[in-house]
Amino acid sequence: MGGDQAANTLLDIQVQALKRAGKEPDANELAFLEAISDQAAVALENSRLFEQARTLAVVEERQRFSRDLHDSVSQALYAISLGAQTARELMDSDPSSAIEPIDYVVSLADAALAEMRAMIFDLRPEALAQEGLVAALRRQAASVRVRHQIEVEARLESEPAISLHAKEMLYRVAQEALQNVVKHARADAVTLSLSHVGGQVCLTVQDNGRGFSLADEFPGHLGLTSMRERASQAGAAFEVATAPGGGCTIGVRLSADRLANSLTAT
């Protein structure tokens, strides 16, 4: 039902209710009822659009999760199966040669386990509150390390005393930054840092990849926009330092005054 149709329906209901009560509304009353109906119709339409957007977000998240499962865990399990079959065949003919495929199976199992843990963490909104930001960042670092063979050094200080909203922002920025490294940077080493400096909470993701020029269009620029928006909404500063051939550093700083406000944020 469109907004105008909903407003007319609501207005008709109110007019009929007055008539059943034995009262014929005058022009002023009709104008008042029409205004109320319009506002109610807008509220109903906003509610419908919100629910539609939420449903679409759920569908998109499920599709992303399905792709991640296929690209990581399911392929790892298939490779584990092949490696185990190879090892079993070698055990009869050349047992010493079975060590290599067994080691391969173990490494794949470790990678799949780390990836699955990270994915399960993302599916549980309460996990960040229960386990903390530092644990979440360690899981992300482990997942990238074992899945993409990129050396990720996690330099993480103590759990920051900030709101869950601020922690989620920092976690999502780190997650997006690491994904940009995987997809675009061609890096083989990344440093993920969380520190407390001068009353600030600072997150940095630094890679040794190919870098890029901020003045040009480049792969991953939409990810940078998303990270910048997340930081801005939480009142944090967002910085990018990069140059062609010089790697890239993503930084987020939550300042002392914003930090104090975020402690009570919902």
Protein backbone atom coordinates (compact mmCIF):
# COMPACT_ATOMS: atom_id res chain seq x y z
CA MET A 1 0.00 0.00 0.00
CA GLY A 2 1.42 3.39 -1.07
CA GLY A 3 1.69 6.42 1.21
CA ASP A 4 -1.26 8.32 -0.31
CA GLN A 5 -3.46 5.24 -0.32
CA ALA A 6 -2.59 4.49 3.30
CA ALA A 7 -3.33 8.09 4.32
CA ASN A 8 -6.71 8.03 2.58
CA THR A 9 -7.58 4.71 4.18
CA LEU A 10 -6.67 5.97 7.65
CA LEU A 11 -8.64 9.17 7.10
CA ASP A 12 -11.70 7.21 5.96
CA ILE A 13 -11.51 4.98 9.03
CA GLN A 14 -11.43 7.99 11.35
CA VAL A 15 -14.31 9.75 9.56
CA GLN A 16 -16.45 6.63 9.65
CA ALA A 17 -15.73 6.23 13.36
CA LEU A 18 -16.97 9.77 14.01
CA LYS A 19 -20.11 9.19 11.95
CA ARG A 20 -20.89 6.01 13.85
CA ALA A 21 -20.63 8.08 17.03
CA GLY A 22 -23.29 10.39 15.59
CA LYS A 23 -20.98 13.29 14.72
CA GLU A 24 -20.37 14.75 11.26
CA PRO A 25 -16.85 16.26 11.13
CA ASP A 26 -16.58 19.87 9.94
CA ALA A 27 -13.85 21.27 7.64
CA ASN A 28 -11.41 21.98 10.48
CA GLU A 29 -11.84 18.53 11.95
CA LEU A 30 -11.36 16.96 8.53
CA ALA A 31 -8.14 18.95 8.00
CA PHE A 32 -6.88 17.84 11.42
CA LEU A 33 -7.74 14.20 10.75
CA GLU A 34 -6.11 14.42 7.34
CA ALA A 35 -2.89 15.76 8.87
CA ILE A 36 -2.85 12.94 11.44
CA SER A 37 -3.52 10.39 8.71
CA ASP A 38 -0.66 11.74 6.61
CA GLN A 39 1.76 11.50 9.53
CA ALA A 40 0.60 7.99 10.37
CA ALA A 41 0.96 6.94 6.74
CA VAL A 42 4.53 8.31 6.64
CA ALA A 43 5.34 6.37 9.80
CA LEU A 44 3.89 3.18 8.31
CA GLU A 45 5.81 3.65 5.08
CA ASN A 46 9.06 4.29 6.95
CA SER A 47 8.46 1.15 8.98
CA ARG A 48 7.85 -0.84 5.82
CA LEU A 49 11.01 0.51 4.16
CA PHE A 50 13.06 -0.20 7.29
CA GLU A 51 11.82 -3.77 7.42
CA GLN A 52 12.52 -4.16 3.70
CA ALA A 53 16.07 -2.86 4.15
CA ARG A 54 16.63 -5.14 7.13
CA THR A 55 15.40 -8.15 5.16
CA LEU A 56 17.69 -7.24 2.26
CA ALA A 57 20.63 -6.88 4.65
CA VAL A 58 19.94 -10.34 6.08
CA VAL A 59 19.78 -11.84 2.58
CA GLU A 60 23.03 -10.14 1.56
CA GLU A 61 24.75 -11.32 4.75
CA ARG A 62 23.61 -14.88 4.13
CA GLN A 63 24.89 -14.71 0.57
CA ARG A 64 28.24 -13.39 1.79
CA PHE A 65 28.44 -16.14 4.39
CA SER A 66 27.62 -18.74 1.75
CA ARG A 67 30.37 -17.42 -0.52
CA ASP A 68 32.86 -17.42 2.36
CA LEU A 69 31.95 -20.99 3.24
CA HIS A 70 32.45 -22.08 -0.36
CA ASP A 71 35.67 -20.13 -0.86
CA SER A 72 37.31 -21.22 2.36
CA VAL A 73 35.97 -23.99 4.55
CA SER A 74 34.30 -26.18 1.92
CA GLN A 75 37.33 -26.03 -0.36
CA ALA A 76 39.63 -26.75 2.57
CA LEU A 77 37.55 -29.79 3.54
CA TYR A 78 37.68 -31.06 -0.04
CA ALA A 79 41.47 -30.65 -0.10
CA ILE A 80 41.71 -32.39 3.29
CA SER A 81 39.77 -35.32 1.87
CA LEU A 82 42.10 -35.58 -1.12
CA GLY A 83 45.18 -35.31 1.06
CA ALA A 84 43.91 -37.98 3.45
CA GLN A 85 43.19 -40.35 0.53
CA THR A 86 46.69 -39.78 -0.84
CA ALA A 87 48.24 -40.47 2.56
CA ARG A 88 46.19 -43.65 2.97
CA GLU A 89 47.32 -44.97 -0.43
CA LEU A 90 50.97 -44.21 0.37
CA MET A 91 50.82 -45.96 3.74
CA ASP A 92 50.76 -49.34 1.98
CA SER A 93 53.34 -48.70 -0.73
CA ASP A 94 55.70 -46.08 0.76
CA PRO A 95 54.86 -45.13 4.38
CA SER A 96 57.63 -42.53 4.67
CA SER A 97 56.16 -40.61 1.71
CA ALA A 98 52.85 -40.30 3.54
CA ILE A 99 54.30 -37.77 5.97
CA GLU A 100 54.11 -34.91 3.47
CA PRO A 101 50.38 -35.28 2.62
CA ILE A 102 49.61 -35.79 6.32
CA ASP A 103 51.38 -32.53 7.18
CA TYR A 104 49.42 -30.87 4.38
CA VAL A 105 46.15 -32.19 5.81
CA VAL A 106 47.06 -30.88 9.28
CA SER A 107 47.86 -27.41 7.94
CA LEU A 108 44.60 -27.32 5.99
CA ALA A 109 42.64 -28.41 9.05
CA ASP A 110 44.25 -25.63 11.11
CA ALA A 111 43.37 -23.10 8.42
CA ALA A 112 39.76 -24.29 8.17
CA LEU A 113 39.39 -24.21 11.95
CA ALA A 114 40.71 -20.65 12.21
CA GLU A 115 38.47 -19.52 9.35
CA MET A 116 35.39 -21.19 10.82
CA ARG A 117 36.03 -19.64 14.22
CA ALA A 118 36.28 -16.20 12.64
CA MET A 119 33.07 -16.73 10.68
CA ILE A 120 31.18 -17.99 13.74
CA PHE A 121 32.42 -14.95 15.65
CA ASP A 122 30.96 -12.68 12.97
CA LEU A 123 27.60 -14.47 13.18
CA ARG A 124 27.31 -13.90 16.93
CA PRO A 125 26.79 -10.19 17.76
CA GLU A 126 27.20 -10.93 21.46
CA ALA A 127 30.64 -12.49 20.95
CA LEU A 128 32.39 -9.13 20.86
CA ALA A 129 30.86 -8.18 24.21
CA GLN A 130 31.67 -11.56 25.77
CA GLU A 131 35.17 -12.17 24.41
CA GLY A 132 36.34 -8.62 23.80
CA LEU A 133 37.93 -6.65 20.97
CA VAL A 134 41.43 -8.03 21.49
CA ALA A 135 40.24 -11.63 21.13
CA ALA A 136 38.24 -10.70 18.02
CA LEU A 137 41.26 -9.06 16.39
CA ARG A 138 43.44 -12.08 17.19
CA ARG A 139 40.90 -14.32 15.45
CA GLN A 140 40.91 -12.13 12.36
CA ALA A 141 44.70 -12.08 12.25
CA ALA A 142 44.84 -15.89 12.58
CA SER A 143 42.23 -16.34 9.87
CA VAL A 144 44.12 -14.18 7.35
CA ARG A 145 47.42 -15.81 8.29
CA VAL A 146 46.36 -19.41 7.73
CA ARG A 147 43.94 -18.87 4.87
CA HIS A 148 46.01 -16.53 2.69
CA GLN A 149 49.56 -17.33 3.82
CA ILE A 150 50.18 -13.69 4.72
CA GLU A 151 52.31 -13.06 7.78
CA VAL A 152 50.11 -11.08 10.16
CA GLU A 153 51.79 -9.72 13.27
CA ALA A 154 49.26 -8.78 15.96
CA ARG A 155 50.53 -6.14 18.37
CA LEU A 156 47.56 -5.82 20.68
CA GLU A 157 47.61 -4.08 24.02
CA SER A 158 45.04 -4.55 26.81
CA GLU A 159 41.28 -4.47 26.21
CA PRO A 160 40.23 -0.81 25.79
CA ALA A 161 37.63 0.67 28.15
CA ILE A 162 35.25 1.85 25.43
CA SER A 163 31.66 1.11 24.48
CA LEU A 164 30.59 -1.97 22.55
CA HIS A 165 29.62 0.34 19.67
CA ALA A 166 33.16 1.73 19.49
CA LYS A 167 34.67 -1.77 19.73
CA GLU A 168 32.49 -2.98 16.87
CA MET A 169 33.60 -0.02 14.75
CA LEU A 170 37.28 -0.79 15.35
CA TYR A 171 36.73 -4.50 14.66
CA ARG A 172 34.88 -3.87 11.38
CA VAL A 173 37.51 -1.38 10.20
CA ALA A 174 40.29 -3.89 10.94
CA GLN A 175 38.32 -6.63 9.17
CA GLU A 176 37.76 -4.48 6.07
CA ALA A 177 41.37 -3.30 6.02
CA LEU A 178 42.69 -6.86 6.18
CA GLN A 179 40.35 -7.91 3.38
CA ASN A 180 41.63 -5.04 1.25
CA VAL A 181 45.17 -6.26 1.87
CA VAL A 182 44.21 -9.78 0.79
CA LYS A 183 42.35 -8.67 -2.33
CA HIS A 184 44.43 -5.77 -3.61
CA ALA A 185 47.72 -5.09 -1.85
CA ARG A 186 49.82 -8.07 -3.00
CA ALA A 187 51.46 -7.94 0.40
CA ASP A 188 53.17 -10.78 2.24
CA ALA A 189 53.30 -9.11 5.66
CA VAL A 190 50.83 -7.08 7.71
CA THR A 191 51.03 -5.53 11.17
CA LEU A 192 47.78 -5.18 13.09
CA SER A 193 48.13 -2.89 16.11
CA LEU A 194 45.85 -1.77 18.92
CA SER A 195 47.37 0.68 21.38
CA HIS A 196 46.59 3.34 23.99
CA VAL A 197 48.48 6.57 23.33
CA GLY A 198 47.95 9.83 25.20
CA GLY A 199 44.37 9.05 26.18
CA GLN A 200 43.55 7.75 22.71
CA VAL A 201 42.72 4.28 21.45
CA CYS A 202 44.57 3.73 18.18
CA LEU A 203 44.09 0.97 15.61
CA THR A 204 46.48 0.58 12.68
CA VAL A 205 46.74 -1.92 9.84
CA GLN A 206 50.02 -1.61 7.95
CA ASP A 207 51.05 -3.72 4.96
CA ASN A 208 54.15 -3.97 2.76
CA GLY A 209 52.17 -4.21 -0.47
CA ARG A 210 52.18 -2.24 -3.69
CA GLY A 211 50.37 0.82 -2.30
CA PHE A 212 48.46 3.26 -4.48
CA SER A 213 47.83 6.92 -5.20
CA LEU A 214 44.95 8.45 -3.25
CA ALA A 215 44.35 10.83 -6.15
CA ASP A 216 43.45 7.98 -8.51
CA GLU A 217 40.70 5.41 -8.71
CA PHE A 218 42.00 2.15 -7.31
CA PRO A 219 40.75 -1.31 -6.29
CA GLY A 220 39.45 -1.20 -2.75
CA HIS A 221 38.44 2.48 -2.69
CA LEU A 222 34.88 1.50 -1.75
CA GLY A 223 36.29 -0.35 1.23
CA LEU A 224 38.14 2.80 2.28
CA THR A 225 34.90 4.78 2.02
CA SER A 226 33.11 2.25 4.21
CA MET A 227 35.88 2.35 6.83
CA ARG A 228 35.93 6.15 6.84
CA GLU A 229 32.16 6.28 7.31
CA ARG A 230 32.27 3.80 10.19
CA ALA A 231 34.96 5.82 11.95
CA SER A 232 33.14 9.10 11.36
CA GLN A 233 29.89 7.77 12.79
CA ALA A 234 31.74 6.80 15.98
CA GLY A 235 33.46 10.18 16.20
CA ALA A 236 36.89 8.75 15.41
CA ALA A 237 39.61 10.08 13.12
CA PHE A 238 40.43 7.99 10.05
CA GLU A 239 43.74 8.25 8.22
CA VAL A 240 45.33 6.62 5.17
CA ALA A 241 49.04 6.82 4.39
CA THR A 242 50.14 5.22 1.12
CA ALA A 243 52.08 5.71 -2.09
CA PRO A 244 52.67 3.55 -5.17
CA GLY A 245 55.17 0.88 -4.19
CA GLY A 246 55.20 2.04 -0.58
CA GLY A 247 52.62 -0.12 1.12
CA CYS A 248 49.59 1.23 2.96
CA THR A 249 48.76 2.16 6.55
CA ILE A 250 45.17 2.50 7.77
CA GLY A 251 44.75 4.30 11.09
CA VAL A 252 41.80 5.01 13.38
CA ARG A 253 42.09 7.20 16.47
CA LEU A 254 39.40 7.57 19.11
CA SER A 255 40.33 10.71 21.05
CA ALA A 256 40.08 11.30 24.78
CA ASP A 257 36.87 13.35 24.68
CA ARG A 258 35.14 10.94 22.29
CA LEU A 259 36.47 8.05 24.38
CA ALA A 260 34.76 9.46 27.47
CA ASN A 261 31.49 9.88 25.58
CA SER A 262 31.69 6.39 24.07
CA LEU A 263 31.81 4.75 27.48
CA THR A 264 28.12 5.45 27.93
CA ALA A 265 27.07 5.08 24.29
CA THR A 266 24.56 2.39 23.45
